[in-house]
């Protein structure tokens, strides 16, 4: 059974769960998400410098059946109470705002290779 809608008894707006299949061409293999995860983790860990070592991480796995998995190591410099808002703002900035700005820039300006 797949969860589709959550209705609250106290009259709040219902929550719709959207199930989106991964798109891939019939002649291609689906993306290797485990490999992509490892490549990204290695890349992030390589950013550390002598005075700025990796201090923490958050890993969220989102699965096709609606389940999730979370792994993290708390960074020492961020209070535990502030971490959820900090992560939400990073996601909002990097995944939504930055992507939308880049798409809008591409729509307005045409790139010319010289």
PDB file of N, CA and C in Angstrom:
ATOM      1  N   UNK A   1       0.844  -1.170   0.000  1.00  0.00           N
ATOM      2  CA  UNK A   1       0.000   0.000   0.000  1.00  0.00           C
ATOM      3  C   UNK A   1       0.891   1.235   0.000  1.00  0.00           C
ATOM      4  N   UNK A   2       0.540   2.207  -0.838  1.00  0.00           N
ATOM      5  CA  UNK A   2       1.301   3.453  -0.931  1.00  0.00           C
ATOM      6  C   UNK A   2       0.506   4.577  -0.305  1.00  0.00           C
ATOM      7  N   UNK A   3       1.182   5.346   0.498  1.00  0.00           N
ATOM      8  CA  UNK A   3       0.571   6.499   1.132  1.00  0.00           C
ATOM      9  C   UNK A   3       0.330   7.564   0.068  1.00  0.00           C
ATOM     10  N   UNK A   4      -0.877   8.099   0.017  1.00  0.00           N
ATOM     11  CA  UNK A   4      -1.185   9.094  -1.000  1.00  0.00           C
ATOM     12  C   UNK A   4      -1.614  10.419  -0.404  1.00  0.00           C
ATOM     13  N   UNK A   5      -2.452  10.394   0.614  1.00  0.00           N
ATOM     14  CA  UNK A   5      -2.960  11.631   1.201  1.00  0.00           C
ATOM     15  C   UNK A   5      -3.088  11.457   2.710  1.00  0.00           C
ATOM     16  N   UNK A   6      -2.752  12.519   3.431  1.00  0.00           N
ATOM     17  CA  UNK A   6      -2.899  12.535   4.878  1.00  0.00           C
ATOM     18  C   UNK A   6      -3.921  13.616   5.204  1.00  0.00           C
ATOM     19  N   UNK A   7      -4.988  13.228   5.875  1.00  0.00           N
ATOM     20  CA  UNK A   7      -6.003  14.197   6.305  1.00  0.00           C
ATOM     21  C   UNK A   7      -5.950  14.327   7.808  1.00  0.00           C
ATOM     22  N   UNK A   8      -5.941  15.568   8.290  1.00  0.00           N
ATOM     23  CA  UNK A   8      -5.875  15.821   9.716  1.00  0.00           C
ATOM     24  C   UNK A   8      -7.285  15.998  10.273  1.00  0.00           C
ATOM     25  N   UNK A   9      -7.516  15.495  11.467  1.00  0.00           N
ATOM     26  CA  UNK A   9      -8.834  15.599  12.105  1.00  0.00           C
ATOM     27  C   UNK A   9      -9.140  17.012  12.564  1.00  0.00           C
ATOM     28  N   UNK A  10      -8.091  17.817  12.813  1.00  0.00           N
ATOM     29  CA  UNK A  10      -8.324  19.163  13.333  1.00  0.00           C
ATOM     30  C   UNK A  10      -8.568  20.208  12.237  1.00  0.00           C
ATOM     31  N   UNK A  11      -8.743  19.779  10.988  1.00  0.00           N
ATOM     32  CA  UNK A  11      -9.107  20.694   9.914  1.00  0.00           C
ATOM     33  C   UNK A  11      -7.948  21.313   9.152  1.00  0.00           C
ATOM     34  N   UNK A  12      -6.701  20.951   9.499  1.00  0.00           N
ATOM     35  CA  UNK A  12      -5.571  21.480   8.737  1.00  0.00           C
ATOM     36  C   UNK A  12      -5.633  20.962   7.299  1.00  0.00           C
ATOM     37  N   UNK A  13      -4.952  21.660   6.416  1.00  0.00           N
ATOM     38  CA  UNK A  13      -4.935  21.256   5.010  1.00  0.00           C
ATOM     39  C   UNK A  13      -4.322  19.870   4.869  1.00  0.00           C
ATOM     40  N   UNK A  14      -4.871  19.043   3.985  1.00  0.00           N
ATOM     41  CA  UNK A  14      -4.303  17.697   3.800  1.00  0.00           C
ATOM     42  C   UNK A  14      -2.934  17.767   3.125  1.00  0.00           C
ATOM     43  N   UNK A  15      -2.142  16.728   3.336  1.00  0.00           N
ATOM     44  CA  UNK A  15      -0.827  16.611   2.716  1.00  0.00           C
ATOM     45  C   UNK A  15      -0.939  15.590   1.597  1.00  0.00           C
ATOM     46  N   UNK A  16      -0.538  15.986   0.394  1.00  0.00           N
ATOM     47  CA  UNK A  16      -0.523  15.081  -0.753  1.00  0.00           C
ATOM     48  C   UNK A  16       0.885  14.530  -0.921  1.00  0.00           C
ATOM     49  N   UNK A  17       1.021  13.235  -1.116  1.00  0.00           N
ATOM     50  CA  UNK A  17       2.310  12.612  -1.363  1.00  0.00           C
ATOM     51  C   UNK A  17       2.398  12.336  -2.850  1.00  0.00           C
ATOM     52  N   UNK A  18       3.384  12.933  -3.502  1.00  0.00           N
ATOM     53  CA  UNK A  18       3.559  12.753  -4.938  1.00  0.00           C
ATOM     54  C   UNK A  18       4.607  11.688  -5.183  1.00  0.00           C
ATOM     55  N   UNK A  19       4.254  10.654  -5.904  1.00  0.00           N
ATOM     56  CA  UNK A  19       5.179   9.581  -6.243  1.00  0.00           C
ATOM     57  C   UNK A  19       5.659   9.817  -7.665  1.00  0.00           C
ATOM     58  N   UNK A  20       6.949  10.067  -7.812  1.00  0.00           N
ATOM     59  CA  UNK A  20       7.515  10.381  -9.108  1.00  0.00           C
ATOM     60  C   UNK A  20       8.525   9.313  -9.493  1.00  0.00           C
ATOM     61  N   UNK A  21       8.302   8.701 -10.634  1.00  0.00           N
ATOM     62  CA  UNK A  21       9.219   7.667 -11.108  1.00  0.00           C
ATOM     63  C   UNK A  21      10.474   8.314 -11.676  1.00  0.00           C
ATOM     64  N   UNK A  22      11.616   7.617 -11.568  1.00  0.00           N
ATOM     65  CA  UNK A  22      12.848   8.102 -12.167  1.00  0.00           C
ATOM     66  C   UNK A  22      12.757   7.948 -13.670  1.00  0.00           C
ATOM     67  N   UNK A  23      13.097   9.002 -14.390  1.00  0.00           N
ATOM     68  CA  UNK A  23      13.084   8.942 -15.847  1.00  0.00           C
ATOM     69  C   UNK A  23      14.418   8.427 -16.354  1.00  0.00           C
ATOM     70  N   UNK A  24      14.374   7.458 -17.244  1.00  0.00           N
ATOM     71  CA  UNK A  24      15.569   7.037 -17.948  1.00  0.00           C
ATOM     72  C   UNK A  24      15.126   6.403 -19.253  1.00  0.00           C
ATOM     73  N   UNK A  25      16.009   6.495 -20.237  1.00  0.00           N
ATOM     74  CA  UNK A  25      15.697   5.954 -21.556  1.00  0.00           C
ATOM     75  C   UNK A  25      15.748   4.433 -21.501  1.00  0.00           C
ATOM     76  N   UNK A  26      14.953   3.803 -22.331  1.00  0.00           N
ATOM     77  CA  UNK A  26      14.857   2.336 -22.317  1.00  0.00           C
ATOM     78  C   UNK A  26      16.192   1.672 -22.602  1.00  0.00           C
ATOM     79  N   UNK A  27      17.044   2.299 -23.403  1.00  0.00           N
ATOM     80  CA  UNK A  27      18.324   1.683 -23.750  1.00  0.00           C
ATOM     81  C   UNK A  27      19.437   2.015 -22.764  1.00  0.00           C
ATOM     82  N   UNK A  28      19.140   2.783 -21.718  1.00  0.00           N
ATOM     83  CA  UNK A  28      20.132   3.145 -20.715  1.00  0.00           C
ATOM     84  C   UNK A  28      19.825   2.470 -19.388  1.00  0.00           C
ATOM     85  N   UNK A  29      20.864   2.270 -18.621  1.00  0.00           N
ATOM     86  CA  UNK A  29      20.697   1.758 -17.264  1.00  0.00           C
ATOM     87  C   UNK A  29      20.240   2.909 -16.375  1.00  0.00           C
ATOM     88  N   UNK A  30      19.450   2.650 -15.333  1.00  0.00           N
ATOM     89  CA  UNK A  30      19.119   3.727 -14.396  1.00  0.00           C
ATOM     90  C   UNK A  30      20.397   4.228 -13.721  1.00  0.00           C
ATOM     91  N   UNK A  31      20.357   5.472 -13.283  1.00  0.00           N
ATOM     92  CA  UNK A  31      21.528   6.064 -12.643  1.00  0.00           C
ATOM     93  C   UNK A  31      21.949   5.243 -11.437  1.00  0.00           C
ATOM     94  N   UNK A  32      23.252   5.058 -11.287  1.00  0.00           N
ATOM     95  CA  UNK A  32      23.796   4.333 -10.143  1.00  0.00           C
ATOM     96  C   UNK A  32      23.881   5.311  -8.977  1.00  0.00           C
ATOM     97  N   UNK A  33      22.833   5.351  -8.162  1.00  0.00           N
ATOM     98  CA  UNK A  33      22.791   6.318  -7.070  1.00  0.00           C
ATOM     99  C   UNK A  33      23.815   6.020  -5.989  1.00  0.00           C
ATOM    100  N   UNK A  34      24.130   4.757  -5.770  1.00  0.00           N
ATOM    101  CA  UNK A  34      25.153   4.425  -4.776  1.00  0.00           C
ATOM    102  C   UNK A  34      26.513   4.978  -5.199  1.00  0.00           C
ATOM    103  N   UNK A  35      26.840   4.840  -6.483  1.00  0.00           N
ATOM    104  CA  UNK A  35      28.095   5.386  -7.004  1.00  0.00           C
ATOM    105  C   UNK A  35      28.111   6.905  -6.918  1.00  0.00           C
ATOM    106  N   UNK A  36      26.980   7.549  -7.263  1.00  0.00           N
ATOM    107  CA  UNK A  36      26.890   9.008  -7.176  1.00  0.00           C
ATOM    108  C   UNK A  36      27.052   9.472  -5.739  1.00  0.00           C
ATOM    109  N   UNK A  37      26.473   8.731  -4.807  1.00  0.00           N
ATOM    110  CA  UNK A  37      26.590   9.056  -3.387  1.00  0.00           C
ATOM    111  C   UNK A  37      28.054   9.006  -2.941  1.00  0.00           C
ATOM    112  N   UNK A  38      28.757   7.958  -3.338  1.00  0.00           N
ATOM    113  CA  UNK A  38      30.166   7.820  -2.945  1.00  0.00           C
ATOM    114  C   UNK A  38      31.028   8.900  -3.589  1.00  0.00           C
ATOM    115  N   UNK A  39      30.782   9.218  -4.858  1.00  0.00           N
ATOM    116  CA  UNK A  39      31.548  10.276  -5.522  1.00  0.00           C
ATOM    117  C   UNK A  39      31.341  11.618  -4.821  1.00  0.00           C
ATOM    118  N   UNK A  40      30.097  11.931  -4.489  1.00  0.00           N
ATOM    119  CA  UNK A  40      29.810  13.194  -3.812  1.00  0.00           C
ATOM    120  C   UNK A  40      30.420  13.242  -2.426  1.00  0.00           C
ATOM    121  N   UNK A  41      30.349  12.136  -1.694  1.00  0.00           N
ATOM    122  CA  UNK A  41      30.936  12.097  -0.348  1.00  0.00           C
ATOM    123  C   UNK A  41      32.448  12.310  -0.410  1.00  0.00           C
ATOM    124  N   UNK A  42      33.117  11.663  -1.372  1.00  0.00           N
ATOM    125  CA  UNK A  42      34.566  11.839  -1.517  1.00  0.00           C
ATOM    126  C   UNK A  42      34.909  13.273  -1.900  1.00  0.00           C
ATOM    127  N   UNK A  43      34.104  13.858  -2.769  1.00  0.00           N
ATOM    128  CA  UNK A  43      34.344  15.233  -3.193  1.00  0.00           C
ATOM    129  C   UNK A  43      34.198  16.199  -2.016  1.00  0.00           C
ATOM    130  N   UNK A  44      33.135  16.032  -1.238  1.00  0.00           N
ATOM    131  CA  UNK A  44      32.905  16.906  -0.079  1.00  0.00           C
ATOM    132  C   UNK A  44      34.044  16.754   0.928  1.00  0.00           C
ATOM    133  N   UNK A  45      34.456  15.515   1.207  1.00  0.00           N
ATOM    134  CA  UNK A  45      35.530  15.288   2.175  1.00  0.00           C
ATOM    135  C   UNK A  45      36.858  15.865   1.681  1.00  0.00           C
ATOM    136  N   UNK A  46      37.050  15.964   0.363  1.00  0.00           N
ATOM    137  CA  UNK A  46      38.308  16.487  -0.180  1.00  0.00           C
ATOM    138  C   UNK A  46      38.418  18.004  -0.064  1.00  0.00           C
ATOM    139  N   UNK A  47      37.324  18.700   0.236  1.00  0.00           N
ATOM    140  CA  UNK A  47      37.360  20.161   0.353  1.00  0.00           C
ATOM    141  C   UNK A  47      38.104  20.627   1.595  1.00  0.00           C
ATOM    142  N   UNK A  48      38.274  19.745   2.568  1.00  0.00           N
ATOM    143  CA  UNK A  48      38.932  20.136   3.812  1.00  0.00           C
ATOM    144  C   UNK A  48      40.366  20.592   3.571  1.00  0.00           C
ATOM    145  N   UNK A  49      40.762  21.609   4.298  1.00  0.00           N
ATOM    146  CA  UNK A  49      42.130  22.119   4.232  1.00  0.00           C
ATOM    147  C   UNK A  49      42.764  21.937   5.598  1.00  0.00           C
ATOM    148  N   UNK A  50      44.036  22.306   5.725  1.00  0.00           N
ATOM    149  CA  UNK A  50      44.735  22.077   6.987  1.00  0.00           C
ATOM    150  C   UNK A  50      44.048  22.777   8.158  1.00  0.00           C
ATOM    151  N   UNK A  51      43.538  23.993   7.973  1.00  0.00           N
ATOM    152  CA  UNK A  51      42.884  24.703   9.065  1.00  0.00           C
ATOM    153  C   UNK A  51      41.376  24.526   9.081  1.00  0.00           C
ATOM    154  N   UNK A  52      40.838  23.763   8.126  1.00  0.00           N
ATOM    155  CA  UNK A  52      39.396  23.634   7.999  1.00  0.00           C
ATOM    156  C   UNK A  52      39.015  22.195   7.663  1.00  0.00           C
ATOM    157  N   UNK A  53      39.193  21.310   8.626  1.00  0.00           N
ATOM    158  CA  UNK A  53      38.886  19.900   8.409  1.00  0.00           C
ATOM    159  C   UNK A  53      37.377  19.675   8.472  1.00  0.00           C
ATOM    160  N   UNK A  54      36.913  18.635   7.829  1.00  0.00           N
ATOM    161  CA  UNK A  54      35.504  18.265   7.856  1.00  0.00           C
ATOM    162  C   UNK A  54      35.087  18.019   9.306  1.00  0.00           C
ATOM    163  N   UNK A  55      34.031  18.685   9.754  1.00  0.00           N
ATOM    164  CA  UNK A  55      33.625  18.644  11.149  1.00  0.00           C
ATOM    165  C   UNK A  55      32.308  17.889  11.361  1.00  0.00           C
ATOM    166  N   UNK A  56      31.506  17.759  10.332  1.00  0.00           N
ATOM    167  CA  UNK A  56      30.235  17.071  10.477  1.00  0.00           C
ATOM    168  C   UNK A  56      29.607  16.836   9.127  1.00  0.00           C
ATOM    169  N   UNK A  57      28.545  16.064   9.110  1.00  0.00           N
ATOM    170  CA  UNK A  57      27.843  15.799   7.862  1.00  0.00           C
ATOM    171  C   UNK A  57      26.410  15.375   8.168  1.00  0.00           C
ATOM    172  N   UNK A  58      25.572  15.509   7.157  1.00  0.00           N
ATOM    173  CA  UNK A  58      24.193  15.031   7.221  1.00  0.00           C
ATOM    174  C   UNK A  58      23.930  14.308   5.910  1.00  0.00           C
ATOM    175  N   UNK A  59      23.417  13.106   5.996  1.00  0.00           N
ATOM    176  CA  UNK A  59      23.093  12.322   4.817  1.00  0.00           C
ATOM    177  C   UNK A  59      21.642  11.884   4.925  1.00  0.00           C
ATOM    178  N   UNK A  60      20.846  12.247   3.936  1.00  0.00           N
ATOM    179  CA  UNK A  60      19.439  11.877   3.923  1.00  0.00           C
ATOM    180  C   UNK A  60      19.182  11.029   2.695  1.00  0.00           C
ATOM    181  N   UNK A  61      18.702   9.835   2.876  1.00  0.00           N
ATOM    182  CA  UNK A  61      18.323   8.972   1.764  1.00  0.00           C
ATOM    183  C   UNK A  61      16.814   8.991   1.592  1.00  0.00           C
ATOM    184  N   UNK A  62      16.351   9.283   0.383  1.00  0.00           N
ATOM    185  CA  UNK A  62      14.926   9.311   0.071  1.00  0.00           C
ATOM    186  C   UNK A  62      14.642   8.149  -0.870  1.00  0.00           C
ATOM    187  N   UNK A  63      13.742   7.262  -0.484  1.00  0.00           N
ATOM    188  CA  UNK A  63      13.500   6.039  -1.229  1.00  0.00           C
ATOM    189  C   UNK A  63      12.207   6.111  -2.028  1.00  0.00           C
ATOM    190  N   UNK A  64      12.134   5.328  -3.101  1.00  0.00           N
ATOM    191  CA  UNK A  64      11.000   5.355  -4.024  1.00  0.00           C
ATOM    192  C   UNK A  64       9.677   4.988  -3.349  1.00  0.00           C
ATOM    193  N   UNK A  65       9.728   4.209  -2.285  1.00  0.00           N
ATOM    194  CA  UNK A  65       8.483   3.800  -1.619  1.00  0.00           C
ATOM    195  C   UNK A  65       8.035   4.809  -0.551  1.00  0.00           C
ATOM    196  N   UNK A  66       8.693   5.980  -0.493  1.00  0.00           N
ATOM    197  CA  UNK A  66       8.301   7.014   0.457  1.00  0.00           C
ATOM    198  C   UNK A  66       9.052   6.964   1.773  1.00  0.00           C
ATOM    199  N   UNK A  67       9.884   5.958   1.967  1.00  0.00           N
ATOM    200  CA  UNK A  67      10.654   5.869   3.203  1.00  0.00           C
ATOM    201  C   UNK A  67      11.867   6.779   3.119  1.00  0.00           C
ATOM    202  N   UNK A  68      12.493   7.000   4.259  1.00  0.00           N
ATOM    203  CA  UNK A  68      13.690   7.832   4.324  1.00  0.00           C
ATOM    204  C   UNK A  68      14.670   7.231   5.321  1.00  0.00           C
ATOM    205  N   UNK A  69      15.899   7.664   5.194  1.00  0.00           N
ATOM    206  CA  UNK A  69      16.941   7.246   6.116  1.00  0.00           C
ATOM    207  C   UNK A  69      17.833   8.451   6.365  1.00  0.00           C
ATOM    208  N   UNK A  70      18.309   8.588   7.592  1.00  0.00           N
ATOM    209  CA  UNK A  70      19.096   9.755   7.972  1.00  0.00           C
ATOM    210  C   UNK A  70      20.332   9.314   8.740  1.00  0.00           C
ATOM    211  N   UNK A  71      21.466   9.866   8.346  1.00  0.00           N
ATOM    212  CA  UNK A  71      22.709   9.642   9.073  1.00  0.00           C
ATOM    213  C   UNK A  71      23.418  10.970   9.234  1.00  0.00           C
ATOM    214  N   UNK A  72      24.022  11.225  10.384  1.00  0.00           N
ATOM    215  CA  UNK A  72      24.689  12.502  10.580  1.00  0.00           C
ATOM    216  C   UNK A  72      25.759  12.402  11.649  1.00  0.00           C
ATOM    217  N   UNK A  73      26.652  13.362  11.617  1.00  0.00           N
ATOM    218  CA  UNK A  73      27.604  13.601  12.693  1.00  0.00           C
ATOM    219  C   UNK A  73      27.495  15.082  12.981  1.00  0.00           C
ATOM    220  N   UNK A  74      27.138  15.417  14.198  1.00  0.00           N
ATOM    221  CA  UNK A  74      26.894  16.809  14.567  1.00  0.00           C
ATOM    222  C   UNK A  74      28.179  17.624  14.482  1.00  0.00           C
ATOM    223  N   UNK A  75      28.145  18.728  13.732  1.00  0.00           N
ATOM    224  CA  UNK A  75      29.301  19.626  13.751  1.00  0.00           C
ATOM    225  C   UNK A  75      29.400  20.310  15.112  1.00  0.00           C
ATOM    226  N   UNK A  76      30.597  20.443  15.617  1.00  0.00           N
ATOM    227  CA  UNK A  76      30.798  20.988  16.962  1.00  0.00           C
ATOM    228  C   UNK A  76      30.407  22.457  17.061  1.00  0.00           C
ATOM    229  N   UNK A  77      30.505  23.214  15.979  1.00  0.00           N
ATOM    230  CA  UNK A  77      30.305  24.657  16.052  1.00  0.00           C
ATOM    231  C   UNK A  77      28.856  25.098  15.921  1.00  0.00           C
ATOM    232  N   UNK A  78      27.931  24.204  15.593  1.00  0.00           N
ATOM    233  CA  UNK A  78      26.530  24.573  15.429  1.00  0.00           C
ATOM    234  C   UNK A  78      25.714  23.955  16.563  1.00  0.00           C
ATOM    235  N   UNK A  79      24.984  24.768  17.324  1.00  0.00           N
ATOM    236  CA  UNK A  79      24.131  24.202  18.386  1.00  0.00           C
ATOM    237  C   UNK A  79      23.069  23.266  17.793  1.00  0.00           C
ATOM    238  N   UNK A  80      22.798  22.196  18.479  1.00  0.00           N
ATOM    239  CA  UNK A  80      21.851  21.177  18.006  1.00  0.00           C
ATOM    240  C   UNK A  80      20.492  21.775  17.639  1.00  0.00           C
ATOM    241  N   UNK A  81      20.048  22.764  18.397  1.00  0.00           N
ATOM    242  CA  UNK A  81      18.732  23.359  18.147  1.00  0.00           C
ATOM    243  C   UNK A  81      18.684  24.137  16.842  1.00  0.00           C
ATOM    244  N   UNK A  82      19.823  24.664  16.382  1.00  0.00           N
ATOM    245  CA  UNK A  82      19.859  25.475  15.170  1.00  0.00           C
ATOM    246  C   UNK A  82      20.086  24.653  13.899  1.00  0.00           C
ATOM    247  N   UNK A  83      20.516  23.418  14.049  1.00  0.00           N
ATOM    248  CA  UNK A  83      20.882  22.618  12.885  1.00  0.00           C
ATOM    249  C   UNK A  83      19.735  22.425  11.883  1.00  0.00           C
ATOM    250  N   UNK A  84      18.505  22.092  12.302  1.00  0.00           N
ATOM    251  CA  UNK A  84      17.441  21.895  11.304  1.00  0.00           C
ATOM    252  C   UNK A  84      17.178  23.134  10.451  1.00  0.00           C
ATOM    253  N   UNK A  85      17.138  24.306  11.051  1.00  0.00           N
ATOM    254  CA  UNK A  85      16.903  25.530  10.287  1.00  0.00           C
ATOM    255  C   UNK A  85      18.080  25.831   9.362  1.00  0.00           C
ATOM    256  N   UNK A  86      19.291  25.575   9.834  1.00  0.00           N
ATOM    257  CA  UNK A  86      20.484  25.808   9.037  1.00  0.00           C
ATOM    258  C   UNK A  86      20.483  24.915   7.796  1.00  0.00           C
ATOM    259  N   UNK A  87      20.157  23.646   7.978  1.00  0.00           N
ATOM    260  CA  UNK A  87      20.106  22.698   6.861  1.00  0.00           C
ATOM    261  C   UNK A  87      18.986  23.077   5.894  1.00  0.00           C
ATOM    262  N   UNK A  88      17.820  23.444   6.422  1.00  0.00           N
ATOM    263  CA  UNK A  88      16.705  23.847   5.558  1.00  0.00           C
ATOM    264  C   UNK A  88      17.088  25.042   4.694  1.00  0.00           C
ATOM    265  N   UNK A  89      17.789  26.002   5.274  1.00  0.00           N
ATOM    266  CA  UNK A  89      18.197  27.185   4.509  1.00  0.00           C
ATOM    267  C   UNK A  89      19.243  26.842   3.451  1.00  0.00           C
ATOM    268  N   UNK A  90      20.164  25.932   3.768  1.00  0.00           N
ATOM    269  CA  UNK A  90      21.146  25.497   2.765  1.00  0.00           C
ATOM    270  C   UNK A  90      20.451  24.822   1.593  1.00  0.00           C
ATOM    271  N   UNK A  91      19.503  23.954   1.877  1.00  0.00           N
ATOM    272  CA  UNK A  91      18.777  23.263   0.807  1.00  0.00           C
ATOM    273  C   UNK A  91      17.983  24.264  -0.022  1.00  0.00           C
ATOM    274  N   UNK A  92      17.308  25.182   0.659  1.00  0.00           N
ATOM    275  CA  UNK A  92      16.525  26.202  -0.048  1.00  0.00           C
ATOM    276  C   UNK A  92      17.426  27.015  -0.966  1.00  0.00           C
ATOM    277  N   UNK A  93      18.578  27.438  -0.470  1.00  0.00           N
ATOM    278  CA  UNK A  93      19.492  28.273  -1.251  1.00  0.00           C
ATOM    279  C   UNK A  93      20.131  27.505  -2.401  1.00  0.00           C
ATOM    280  N   UNK A  94      20.687  26.337  -2.104  1.00  0.00           N
ATOM    281  CA  UNK A  94      21.452  25.602  -3.125  1.00  0.00           C
ATOM    282  C   UNK A  94      20.568  24.844  -4.110  1.00  0.00           C
ATOM    283  N   UNK A  95      19.568  24.152  -3.616  1.00  0.00           N
ATOM    284  CA  UNK A  95      18.774  23.290  -4.488  1.00  0.00           C
ATOM    285  C   UNK A  95      17.637  24.020  -5.184  1.00  0.00           C
ATOM    286  N   UNK A  96      17.126  25.072  -4.589  1.00  0.00           N
ATOM    287  CA  UNK A  96      15.966  25.740  -5.175  1.00  0.00           C
ATOM    288  C   UNK A  96      16.353  27.092  -5.752  1.00  0.00           C
ATOM    289  N   UNK A  97      16.777  28.023  -4.920  1.00  0.00           N
ATOM    290  CA  UNK A  97      17.052  29.384  -5.360  1.00  0.00           C
ATOM    291  C   UNK A  97      18.193  29.421  -6.376  1.00  0.00           C
ATOM    292  N   UNK A  98      19.299  28.753  -6.088  1.00  0.00           N
ATOM    293  CA  UNK A  98      20.434  28.752  -7.013  1.00  0.00           C
ATOM    294  C   UNK A  98      20.085  28.149  -8.356  1.00  0.00           C
ATOM    295  N   UNK A  99      19.359  27.053  -8.366  1.00  0.00           N
ATOM    296  CA  UNK A  99      18.939  26.397  -9.618  1.00  0.00           C
ATOM    297  C   UNK A  99      17.989  27.280 -10.396  1.00  0.00           C
ATOM    298  N   UNK A 100      17.032  27.896  -9.716  1.00  0.00           N
ATOM    299  CA  UNK A 100      16.082  28.785 -10.396  1.00  0.00           C
ATOM    300  C   UNK A 100      16.792  29.992 -10.991  1.00  0.00           C
ATOM    301  N   UNK A 101      17.749  30.563 -10.265  1.00  0.00           N
ATOM    302  CA  UNK A 101      18.497  31.714 -10.774  1.00  0.00           C
ATOM    303  C   UNK A 101      19.313  31.321 -12.009  1.00  0.00           C
ATOM    304  N   UNK A 102      19.959  30.162 -11.970  1.00  0.00           N
ATOM    305  CA  UNK A 102      20.741  29.699 -13.123  1.00  0.00           C
ATOM    306  C   UNK A 102      19.843  29.455 -14.330  1.00  0.00           C
ATOM    307  N   UNK A 103      18.680  28.836 -14.112  1.00  0.00           N
ATOM    308  CA  UNK A 103      17.738  28.590 -15.211  1.00  0.00           C
ATOM    309  C   UNK A 103      17.237  29.899 -15.815  1.00  0.00           C
ATOM    310  N   UNK A 104      16.921  30.873 -14.965  1.00  0.00           N
ATOM    311  CA  UNK A 104      16.444  32.169 -15.446  1.00  0.00           C
ATOM    312  C   UNK A 104      17.546  32.887 -16.227  1.00  0.00           C
ATOM    313  N   UNK A 105      18.768  32.819 -15.739  1.00  0.00           N
ATOM    314  CA  UNK A 105      19.903  33.419 -16.447  1.00  0.00           C
ATOM    315  C   UNK A 105      20.046  32.788 -17.827  1.00  0.00           C
ATOM    316  N   UNK A 106      19.962  31.456 -17.893  1.00  0.00           N
ATOM    317  CA  UNK A 106      20.078  30.760 -19.175  1.00  0.00           C
ATOM    318  C   UNK A 106      18.941  31.133 -20.122  1.00  0.00           C
ATOM    319  N   UNK A 107      17.732  31.352 -19.580  1.00  0.00           N
ATOM    320  CA  UNK A 107      16.600  31.747 -20.425  1.00  0.00           C
ATOM    321  C   UNK A 107      16.797  33.145 -21.004  1.00  0.00           C
ATOM    322  N   UNK A 108      17.401  34.039 -20.241  1.00  0.00           N
ATOM    323  CA  UNK A 108      17.526  35.432 -20.671  1.00  0.00           C
ATOM    324  C   UNK A 108      18.747  35.706 -21.546  1.00  0.00           C
ATOM    325  N   UNK A 109      19.784  34.921 -21.365  1.00  0.00           N
ATOM    326  CA  UNK A 109      21.020  35.176 -22.096  1.00  0.00           C
ATOM    327  C   UNK A 109      21.420  33.944 -22.885  1.00  0.00           C
ATOM    328  N   UNK A 110      21.906  34.175 -24.066  1.00  0.00           N
ATOM    329  CA  UNK A 110      22.336  33.064 -24.911  1.00  0.00           C
ATOM    330  C   UNK A 110      23.855  32.987 -24.859  1.00  0.00           C
ATOM    331  N   UNK A 111      24.387  31.808 -24.608  1.00  0.00           N
ATOM    332  CA  UNK A 111      25.824  31.619 -24.530  1.00  0.00           C
ATOM    333  C   UNK A 111      26.391  31.504 -25.939  1.00  0.00           C
ATOM    334  N   UNK A 112      27.517  32.171 -26.164  1.00  0.00           N
ATOM    335  CA  UNK A 112      28.202  32.115 -27.454  1.00  0.00           C
ATOM    336  C   UNK A 112      29.611  31.581 -27.222  1.00  0.00           C
ATOM    337  N   UNK A 113      29.916  30.437 -27.850  1.00  0.00           N
ATOM    338  CA  UNK A 113      31.269  29.862 -27.744  1.00  0.00           C
ATOM    339  C   UNK A 113      32.158  30.533 -28.778  1.00  0.00           C
ATOM    340  N   UNK A 114      33.320  30.974 -28.335  1.00  0.00           N
ATOM    341  CA  UNK A 114      34.261  31.616 -29.272  1.00  0.00           C
ATOM    342  C   UNK A 114      35.539  30.842 -29.339  1.00  0.00           C
TER     343      UNK A 114
END
